[in-house]
C-alpha atoms as a PDB file:
ATOM      1  CA  UNK A   1     -14.747 -14.449 -33.094  1.00  0.00           C
ATOM      2  CA  UNK A   2     -14.162 -12.126 -30.022  1.00  0.00           C
ATOM      3  CA  UNK A   3     -10.934 -12.663 -28.210  1.00  0.00           C
ATOM      4  CA  UNK A   4     -10.764 -13.378 -24.009  1.00  0.00           C
ATOM      5  CA  UNK A   5      -9.277 -10.974 -22.301  1.00  0.00           C
ATOM      6  CA  UNK A   6      -7.446 -12.178 -18.625  1.00  0.00           C
ATOM      7  CA  UNK A   7      -6.604  -8.870 -17.766  1.00  0.00           C
ATOM      8  CA  UNK A   8      -3.454  -6.144 -18.117  1.00  0.00           C
ATOM      9  CA  UNK A   9       0.071  -8.003 -19.184  1.00  0.00           C
ATOM     10  CA  UNK A  10       3.043  -7.231 -17.503  1.00  0.00           C
ATOM     11  CA  UNK A  11       4.829  -5.621 -20.993  1.00  0.00           C
ATOM     12  CA  UNK A  12       1.687  -3.683 -21.927  1.00  0.00           C
ATOM     13  CA  UNK A  13       1.303  -2.055 -18.686  1.00  0.00           C
ATOM     14  CA  UNK A  14       4.814  -0.983 -18.887  1.00  0.00           C
ATOM     15  CA  UNK A  15       4.866  -0.421 -22.254  1.00  0.00           C
ATOM     16  CA  UNK A  16       2.212   2.381 -21.821  1.00  0.00           C
ATOM     17  CA  UNK A  17       2.915   3.959 -18.677  1.00  0.00           C
ATOM     18  CA  UNK A  18       6.806   4.232 -19.987  1.00  0.00           C
ATOM     19  CA  UNK A  19       5.409   6.171 -22.649  1.00  0.00           C
ATOM     20  CA  UNK A  20       3.221   8.532 -20.731  1.00  0.00           C
ATOM     21  CA  UNK A  21       6.455   8.978 -18.568  1.00  0.00           C
ATOM     22  CA  UNK A  22       8.772   9.744 -21.179  1.00  0.00           C
ATOM     23  CA  UNK A  23       5.733  12.262 -22.963  1.00  0.00           C
ATOM     24  CA  UNK A  24       6.213  14.626 -19.761  1.00  0.00           C
ATOM     25  CA  UNK A  25       9.799  14.930 -19.181  1.00  0.00           C
ATOM     26  CA  UNK A  26      11.986  17.756 -20.497  1.00  0.00           C
ATOM     27  CA  UNK A  27      14.235  15.654 -22.668  1.00  0.00           C
ATOM     28  CA  UNK A  28      12.036  12.662 -23.768  1.00  0.00           C
ATOM     29  CA  UNK A  29      15.242  11.035 -24.933  1.00  0.00           C
ATOM     30  CA  UNK A  30      16.916  10.775 -21.470  1.00  0.00           C
ATOM     31  CA  UNK A  31      14.059   8.586 -20.132  1.00  0.00           C
ATOM     32  CA  UNK A  32      15.833   5.394 -19.014  1.00  0.00           C
ATOM     33  CA  UNK A  33      13.409   2.952 -16.692  1.00  0.00           C
ATOM     34  CA  UNK A  34      14.980   0.292 -15.002  1.00  0.00           C
ATOM     35  CA  UNK A  35      14.460  -3.308 -15.834  1.00  0.00           C
ATOM     36  CA  UNK A  36      11.586  -5.186 -13.828  1.00  0.00           C
ATOM     37  CA  UNK A  37      10.076  -3.170 -11.030  1.00  0.00           C
ATOM     38  CA  UNK A  38       6.679  -4.321  -9.802  1.00  0.00           C
ATOM     39  CA  UNK A  39       3.622  -5.727 -11.024  1.00  0.00           C
ATOM     40  CA  UNK A  40       0.410  -6.488  -9.941  1.00  0.00           C
ATOM     41  CA  UNK A  41      -3.339  -6.257 -11.795  1.00  0.00           C
ATOM     42  CA  UNK A  42      -6.816  -5.251 -10.320  1.00  0.00           C
ATOM     43  CA  UNK A  43      -8.972  -6.982 -12.469  1.00  0.00           C
ATOM     44  CA  UNK A  44      -8.623  -4.596 -15.676  1.00  0.00           C
ATOM     45  CA  UNK A  45      -6.071  -2.499 -14.198  1.00  0.00           C
ATOM     46  CA  UNK A  46      -2.073  -2.999 -14.474  1.00  0.00           C
ATOM     47  CA  UNK A  47      -0.274  -1.504 -11.988  1.00  0.00           C
ATOM     48  CA  UNK A  48       3.830  -0.581 -12.044  1.00  0.00           C
ATOM     49  CA  UNK A  49       5.466   0.599 -10.424  1.00  0.00           C
ATOM     50  CA  UNK A  50       9.380   1.419 -11.181  1.00  0.00           C
ATOM     51  CA  UNK A  51      12.264   3.678 -11.115  1.00  0.00           C
ATOM     52  CA  UNK A  52      14.083   5.900 -14.044  1.00  0.00           C
ATOM     53  CA  UNK A  53      16.892   7.486 -14.635  1.00  0.00           C
ATOM     54  CA  UNK A  54      15.883  11.070 -17.070  1.00  0.00           C
ATOM     55  CA  UNK A  55      17.757  14.292 -17.674  1.00  0.00           C
ATOM     56  CA  UNK A  56      16.381  18.325 -16.141  1.00  0.00           C
ATOM     57  CA  UNK A  57      16.380  21.441 -17.403  1.00  0.00           C
ATOM     58  CA  UNK A  58      19.885  22.371 -16.031  1.00  0.00           C
ATOM     59  CA  UNK A  59      21.403  18.752 -17.557  1.00  0.00           C
ATOM     60  CA  UNK A  60      21.368  17.090 -14.991  1.00  0.00           C
ATOM     61  CA  UNK A  61      20.511  13.381 -14.480  1.00  0.00           C
ATOM     62  CA  UNK A  62      18.105  12.421 -11.504  1.00  0.00           C
ATOM     63  CA  UNK A  63      16.699   9.253 -10.869  1.00  0.00           C
ATOM     64  CA  UNK A  64      12.737   9.331 -10.076  1.00  0.00           C
ATOM     65  CA  UNK A  65      10.841   7.008  -9.464  1.00  0.00           C
ATOM     66  CA  UNK A  66       6.776   6.250 -10.911  1.00  0.00           C
ATOM     67  CA  UNK A  67       3.299   4.841 -10.171  1.00  0.00           C
ATOM     68  CA  UNK A  68       1.037   4.456 -12.999  1.00  0.00           C
ATOM     69  CA  UNK A  69      -2.297   2.895 -13.476  1.00  0.00           C
ATOM     70  CA  UNK A  70      -3.227   1.299 -17.151  1.00  0.00           C
ATOM     71  CA  UNK A  71      -6.858   0.065 -18.250  1.00  0.00           C
ATOM     72  CA  UNK A  72      -6.594  -2.377 -20.308  1.00  0.00           C
ATOM     73  CA  UNK A  73      -9.601  -2.716 -21.622  1.00  0.00           C
ATOM     74  CA  UNK A  74     -10.337   1.154 -22.184  1.00  0.00           C
ATOM     75  CA  UNK A  75      -6.339   1.514 -23.591  1.00  0.00           C
ATOM     76  CA  UNK A  76      -6.301   4.379 -20.920  1.00  0.00           C
ATOM     77  CA  UNK A  77      -4.457   6.017 -18.385  1.00  0.00           C
ATOM     78  CA  UNK A  78      -6.460   5.390 -14.739  1.00  0.00           C
ATOM     79  CA  UNK A  79      -3.203   7.144 -12.519  1.00  0.00           C
ATOM     80  CA  UNK A  80      -0.157   8.394 -12.550  1.00  0.00           C
ATOM     81  CA  UNK A  81       2.612   9.826 -10.551  1.00  0.00           C
ATOM     82  CA  UNK A  82       6.305  10.762 -10.584  1.00  0.00           C
ATOM     83  CA  UNK A  83       8.415  10.845  -7.806  1.00  0.00           C
ATOM     84  CA  UNK A  84      11.139  12.712  -7.329  1.00  0.00           C
ATOM     85  CA  UNK A  85      14.604  12.429  -6.196  1.00  0.00           C
ATOM     86  CA  UNK A  86      13.584  14.877  -2.793  1.00  0.00           C
ATOM     87  CA  UNK A  87      10.585  12.861  -2.250  1.00  0.00           C
ATOM     88  CA  UNK A  88       7.429  15.010  -3.658  1.00  0.00           C
ATOM     89  CA  UNK A  89       5.210  13.108  -5.286  1.00  0.00           C
ATOM     90  CA  UNK A  90       3.133  14.987  -8.287  1.00  0.00           C
ATOM     91  CA  UNK A  91       0.168  13.653  -9.713  1.00  0.00           C
ATOM     92  CA  UNK A  92       0.145  14.174 -13.528  1.00  0.00           C
ATOM     93  CA  UNK A  93      -2.542  11.784 -14.346  1.00  0.00           C
END
């Protein structure tokens, strides 16, 4: 029996996007996301935007923000952008 899907959950979207961001950091262990952030769903796509702290290659702690779109049907990151403390946005996916 196939279970009905209702689109992406906030919990799953946050988890998948946090993992994607963490994997591209210089120091994965320094990843410290804020609780909450913003979440909404667009059909099968979960969209989350939140701040996170991490340590750069020089050991300085920086606060950045990411915006991530996760497709719950295909279990893939559709889009991932990180805005650094200086306002520069990099598209990672």
